[in-house]
Amino acid sequence: MKTKHVMYKPQGVCSQFMDVTADENNIIQQVMVLGGCNGNLQGICRLVEGQPIDKVIERVNGIRCGNKGTSCPDQLCRALEQLKSAPLQD
């Protein structure tokens, strides 16, 4: 199976790094997040794994954290947008 991968540096949130992999059909295979609210991010990662990239973006795009203009789920959408156009690897 071919996969694509992106390492993303979130902006404006507590998490420091997102590492996301998807397969050739744009199904999310793995999400790892460094920093941020550990329990919440573990839950988000498990919920999105196995889901289509576009479906996740549709569901969590624009979520805000408190009075911030973004959130970890919203930043995950930015990573997923980059992942969609990433090259496939063997």
C-alpha atoms as a PDB file:
ATOM      1  CA  MET A   1       0.000   0.000   0.000  1.00  0.00           C
ATOM      2  CA  LYS A   2       1.273   3.467  -0.872  1.00  0.00           C
ATOM      3  CA  THR A   3       1.089   6.165   1.782  1.00  0.00           C
ATOM      4  CA  LYS A   4       1.659   9.874   2.127  1.00  0.00           C
ATOM      5  CA  HIS A   5       2.991  11.679   5.124  1.00  0.00           C
ATOM      6  CA  VAL A   6       3.219  15.201   6.527  1.00  0.00           C
ATOM      7  CA  MET A   7       4.918  16.708   9.561  1.00  0.00           C
ATOM      8  CA  TYR A   8       3.128  19.908  10.541  1.00  0.00           C
ATOM      9  CA  LYS A   9       4.003  22.697  13.000  1.00  0.00           C
ATOM     10  CA  PRO A  10       0.701  24.016  14.460  1.00  0.00           C
ATOM     11  CA  GLN A  11       0.228  27.755  14.943  1.00  0.00           C
ATOM     12  CA  GLY A  12      -1.572  29.461  17.834  1.00  0.00           C
ATOM     13  CA  VAL A  13      -2.215  26.330  19.936  1.00  0.00           C
ATOM     14  CA  CYS A  14      -0.510  24.375  22.735  1.00  0.00           C
ATOM     15  CA  SER A  15       0.459  21.393  20.590  1.00  0.00           C
ATOM     16  CA  GLN A  16       3.925  21.697  19.067  1.00  0.00           C
ATOM     17  CA  PHE A  17       3.998  19.122  16.290  1.00  0.00           C
ATOM     18  CA  MET A  18       1.622  16.919  14.258  1.00  0.00           C
ATOM     19  CA  ASP A  19       2.708  13.859  12.290  1.00  0.00           C
ATOM     20  CA  VAL A  20      -0.001  12.470   9.987  1.00  0.00           C
ATOM     21  CA  THR A  21      -0.054   9.555   7.515  1.00  0.00           C
ATOM     22  CA  ALA A  22      -2.762   8.596   5.020  1.00  0.00           C
ATOM     23  CA  ASP A  23      -3.085   5.888   2.398  1.00  0.00           C
ATOM     24  CA  GLU A  24      -3.466   6.294  -1.360  1.00  0.00           C
ATOM     25  CA  ASN A  25      -7.261   6.641  -0.923  1.00  0.00           C
ATOM     26  CA  ASN A  26      -6.883   9.584   1.497  1.00  0.00           C
ATOM     27  CA  ILE A  27      -7.847   7.473   4.515  1.00  0.00           C
ATOM     28  CA  ILE A  28      -6.003   8.608   7.648  1.00  0.00           C
ATOM     29  CA  GLN A  29      -3.787   5.818   8.931  1.00  0.00           C
ATOM     30  CA  GLN A  30      -1.972   7.422  11.849  1.00  0.00           C
ATOM     31  CA  VAL A  31      -1.921  10.723  13.749  1.00  0.00           C
ATOM     32  CA  MET A  32       0.597  11.639  16.427  1.00  0.00           C
ATOM     33  CA  VAL A  33       0.593  14.962  18.277  1.00  0.00           C
ATOM     34  CA  LEU A  34       3.328  16.318  20.531  1.00  0.00           C
ATOM     35  CA  GLY A  35       2.222  18.711  23.274  1.00  0.00           C
ATOM     36  CA  GLY A  36      -1.232  20.030  24.028  1.00  0.00           C
ATOM     37  CA  CYS A  37      -3.977  18.426  26.116  1.00  0.00           C
ATOM     38  CA  ASN A  38      -2.782  14.828  26.092  1.00  0.00           C
ATOM     39  CA  GLY A  39      -6.075  13.044  26.774  1.00  0.00           C
ATOM     40  CA  ASN A  40      -8.091  15.142  24.337  1.00  0.00           C
ATOM     41  CA  LEU A  41      -5.506  14.760  21.603  1.00  0.00           C
ATOM     42  CA  GLN A  42      -5.265  11.000  22.089  1.00  0.00           C
ATOM     43  CA  GLY A  43      -9.042  10.844  21.693  1.00  0.00           C
ATOM     44  CA  ILE A  44      -9.001  13.002  18.567  1.00  0.00           C
ATOM     45  CA  CYS A  45      -6.219  10.894  17.034  1.00  0.00           C
ATOM     46  CA  ARG A  46      -8.110   7.653  17.623  1.00  0.00           C
ATOM     47  CA  LEU A  47     -11.362   9.090  16.302  1.00  0.00           C
ATOM     48  CA  VAL A  48      -9.869  10.324  13.030  1.00  0.00           C
ATOM     49  CA  GLU A  49      -7.746   7.267  12.221  1.00  0.00           C
ATOM     50  CA  GLY A  50      -9.529   5.216   9.573  1.00  0.00           C
ATOM     51  CA  GLN A  51     -11.572   8.225   8.414  1.00  0.00           C
ATOM     52  CA  PRO A  52     -11.403   9.988   5.038  1.00  0.00           C
ATOM     53  CA  ILE A  53      -9.384  13.222   5.134  1.00  0.00           C
ATOM     54  CA  ASP A  54     -12.228  15.292   3.648  1.00  0.00           C
ATOM     55  CA  LYS A  55     -14.751  14.008   6.200  1.00  0.00           C
ATOM     56  CA  VAL A  56     -12.486  14.970   9.117  1.00  0.00           C
ATOM     57  CA  ILE A  57     -11.876  18.426   7.646  1.00  0.00           C
ATOM     58  CA  GLU A  58     -15.632  18.875   7.184  1.00  0.00           C
ATOM     59  CA  ARG A  59     -16.318  17.966  10.817  1.00  0.00           C
ATOM     60  CA  VAL A  60     -13.621  19.849  12.736  1.00  0.00           C
ATOM     61  CA  ASN A  61     -12.575  22.777  10.541  1.00  0.00           C
ATOM     62  CA  GLY A  62     -13.027  26.107  12.314  1.00  0.00           C
ATOM     63  CA  ILE A  63     -13.295  24.772  15.875  1.00  0.00           C
ATOM     64  CA  ARG A  64     -11.893  27.322  18.298  1.00  0.00           C
ATOM     65  CA  CYS A  65     -10.222  26.812  21.671  1.00  0.00           C
ATOM     66  CA  GLY A  66     -11.421  29.424  24.151  1.00  0.00           C
ATOM     67  CA  ASN A  67     -10.813  32.882  22.732  1.00  0.00           C
ATOM     68  CA  LYS A  68      -8.120  31.673  20.325  1.00  0.00           C
ATOM     69  CA  GLY A  69      -8.883  31.899  16.624  1.00  0.00           C
ATOM     70  CA  THR A  70      -8.004  28.218  16.187  1.00  0.00           C
ATOM     71  CA  SER A  71      -7.685  24.918  18.070  1.00  0.00           C
ATOM     72  CA  CYS A  72      -5.764  21.657  17.819  1.00  0.00           C
ATOM     73  CA  PRO A  73      -8.573  20.067  15.732  1.00  0.00           C
ATOM     74  CA  ASP A  74      -8.580  23.130  13.452  1.00  0.00           C
ATOM     75  CA  GLN A  75      -4.799  22.928  13.124  1.00  0.00           C
ATOM     76  CA  LEU A  76      -5.139  19.231  12.314  1.00  0.00           C
ATOM     77  CA  CYS A  77      -7.262  20.349   9.352  1.00  0.00           C
ATOM     78  CA  ARG A  78      -4.357  22.492   8.127  1.00  0.00           C
ATOM     79  CA  ALA A  79      -2.097  19.435   8.363  1.00  0.00           C
ATOM     80  CA  LEU A  80      -4.673  17.311   6.524  1.00  0.00           C
ATOM     81  CA  GLU A  81      -4.968  19.891   3.748  1.00  0.00           C
ATOM     82  CA  GLN A  82      -1.206  19.616   3.235  1.00  0.00           C
ATOM     83  CA  LEU A  83      -1.418  15.831   3.421  1.00  0.00           C
ATOM     84  CA  LYS A  84      -3.982  15.691   0.593  1.00  0.00           C
ATOM     85  CA  SER A  85      -1.438  17.096  -1.835  1.00  0.00           C
ATOM     86  CA  ALA A  86       1.605  15.227  -0.466  1.00  0.00           C
ATOM     87  CA  PRO A  87       3.287  12.770  -2.835  1.00  0.00           C
ATOM     88  CA  LEU A  88       2.625   9.052  -2.437  1.00  0.00           C
ATOM     89  CA  GLN A  89       5.481   6.894  -1.170  1.00  0.00           C
ATOM     90  CA  ASP A  90       6.036   3.146  -1.358  1.00  0.00           C
END
